[in-house]
Protein backbone atom coordinates (compact mmCIF):
# COMPACT_ATOMS: atom_id res chain seq x y z
CA MET A 1 -28.85 -6.51 4.68
CA PHE A 2 -30.40 -10.10 4.19
CA ASN A 3 -28.53 -13.56 4.17
CA GLY A 4 -28.69 -17.10 4.75
CA PRO A 5 -27.84 -20.76 3.63
CA ILE A 6 -28.92 -22.26 0.41
CA LEU A 7 -29.68 -26.10 1.45
CA ARG A 8 -29.61 -28.75 -0.96
CA ALA A 9 -30.67 -32.46 -0.63
CA ASN A 10 -26.80 -33.11 -1.40
CA ASP A 11 -25.42 -30.82 1.52
CA PRO A 12 -22.83 -32.84 3.24
CA VAL A 13 -23.35 -34.03 6.65
CA TYR A 14 -21.21 -33.44 9.80
CA ARG A 15 -22.01 -34.37 13.28
CA ASP A 16 -25.64 -35.73 11.99
CA VAL A 17 -26.31 -31.85 10.69
CA PRO A 18 -26.32 -30.81 6.86
CA ILE A 19 -23.35 -28.19 6.19
CA PRO A 20 -24.56 -25.79 3.05
CA ARG A 21 -22.19 -25.60 0.06
CA GLU A 22 -23.44 -21.90 -0.45
CA PHE A 23 -24.50 -19.12 1.04
CA TRP A 24 -26.76 -15.98 -0.08
CA LYS A 25 -26.43 -12.05 0.91
CA VAL A 26 -28.89 -9.29 -0.53
CA VAL A 27 -27.55 -5.79 0.46
CA VAL A 28 -29.59 -2.68 -0.29
CA CYS A 29 -27.95 0.66 -0.39
CA LYS A 30 -27.82 4.05 -1.99
CA ALA A 31 -25.08 4.50 -4.30
CA ASP A 32 -23.22 7.76 -4.54
CA SER A 33 -25.81 9.45 -7.41
CA GLY A 34 -28.59 8.76 -4.25
CA LYS A 35 -30.28 5.87 -6.11
CA LEU A 36 -31.11 2.75 -4.26
CA LYS A 37 -29.37 -0.32 -5.52
CA ALA A 38 -29.75 -3.69 -4.40
CA LEU A 39 -27.11 -6.38 -4.84
CA ALA A 40 -27.03 -10.41 -4.21
CA PHE A 41 -23.92 -12.78 -3.66
CA LYS A 42 -23.40 -16.39 -3.46
CA LEU A 43 -20.45 -17.48 -1.41
CA SER A 44 -19.54 -20.98 -1.75
CA GLN A 45 -17.64 -23.35 0.49
CA ALA A 46 -17.91 -26.35 -1.91
CA ASP A 47 -13.92 -26.51 -2.30
CA LEU A 48 -13.34 -26.43 1.29
CA ILE A 49 -15.69 -29.00 2.97
CA ARG A 50 -15.25 -31.87 -0.32
CA GLU A 51 -15.08 -34.90 1.29
CA VAL A 52 -13.41 -33.65 4.45
CA PRO A 53 -13.27 -36.07 7.67
CA GLU A 54 -14.94 -35.09 10.39
CA GLU A 55 -11.83 -34.33 12.29
CA GLU A 56 -9.93 -32.44 9.53
CA PHE A 57 -13.27 -30.20 8.62
CA GLU A 58 -12.62 -26.65 9.32
CA ALA A 59 -13.98 -23.56 8.10
CA GLY A 60 -12.37 -21.28 6.03
CA PRO A 61 -12.57 -18.31 3.37
CA TYR A 62 -15.13 -18.24 0.83
CA ARG A 63 -15.39 -17.80 -2.88
CA PRO A 64 -17.91 -15.05 -3.51
CA PHE A 65 -19.90 -14.36 -6.49
CA GLN A 66 -22.28 -11.47 -7.58
CA VAL A 67 -25.53 -12.68 -9.60
CA LYS A 68 -28.88 -11.53 -9.96
CA ILE A 69 -31.45 -10.81 -7.52
CA ALA A 70 -34.25 -12.79 -9.63
CA ALA A 71 -31.63 -15.70 -9.94
CA LEU A 72 -31.17 -15.76 -6.51
CA GLU A 73 -35.48 -16.09 -6.03
CA GLN A 74 -35.04 -18.81 -8.09
CA GLU A 75 -32.81 -20.69 -6.56
CA THR A 76 -33.69 -20.35 -2.93
CA LYS A 77 -37.74 -20.14 -3.71
CA LEU A 78 -37.49 -16.64 -2.11
CA ASP A 79 -39.28 -13.44 -2.56
CA PHE A 80 -37.34 -10.37 -2.49
CA GLY A 81 -40.10 -8.37 -4.00
CA ASP A 82 -39.29 -5.37 -6.11
CA LEU A 83 -35.41 -5.45 -4.87
CA HIS A 84 -34.68 -6.87 -8.61
CA LYS A 85 -35.47 -3.13 -10.08
CA PHE A 86 -32.68 -2.04 -8.25
CA ASP A 87 -30.10 -4.83 -8.93
CA PRO A 88 -27.59 -2.89 -11.58
CA LEU A 89 -26.60 -6.76 -13.28
CA GLU A 90 -30.56 -6.20 -14.68
CA VAL A 91 -29.34 -2.95 -16.23
CA LEU A 92 -29.06 -3.62 -20.20
CA GLY A 93 -25.52 -4.05 -21.28
CA ASN A 94 -24.28 -4.89 -17.54
CA GLU A 95 -24.81 -8.54 -18.67
CA SER A 96 -21.48 -8.59 -20.19
CA PHE A 97 -19.97 -9.02 -16.65
CA LEU A 98 -21.71 -12.23 -16.08
CA GLU A 99 -19.11 -14.91 -16.71
CA GLY A 100 -20.09 -17.53 -19.35
CA ASP A 101 -23.03 -20.05 -18.25
CA THR A 102 -22.57 -19.37 -14.72
CA GLY A 103 -24.93 -16.20 -14.45
CA ALA A 104 -22.24 -14.70 -11.81
CA VAL A 105 -19.77 -12.66 -11.55
CA THR A 106 -16.43 -13.87 -9.78
CA ILE A 107 -15.54 -11.35 -6.89
CA GLY A 108 -11.70 -11.15 -6.55
CA SER A 109 -11.63 -7.47 -4.92
CA LEU A 110 -14.23 -4.35 -4.50
CA ALA A 111 -13.46 -3.10 -8.03
CA ASP A 112 -15.18 -6.12 -9.44
CA ILE A 113 -18.92 -5.74 -7.86
CA VAL A 114 -20.78 -4.58 -10.31
CA VAL A 115 -22.94 -1.31 -9.06
């Protein structure tokens, strides 16, 4: 498992520290079939930190999304090597799970994760 913030120039500042609106996570595991799987997720807290005064800032639940590893690499400028080869969202036909122009799958429960 790898994770970190998605840092942007327009992130809000709290006590002189930029607060990322989104975080990323890459999970590598074996499927029930024994094949390697690599899943990428973005977690958004943008709705929680929008124009909140310092004294009211409170971390809360994130909105999770599954994204293609290749898209996450482009957004973060990180290189995850060959992990995109094991990304189920790269399998022909699975692009139908991506919602509109977002390039993401909204995760409301474990059943929503594309494996």
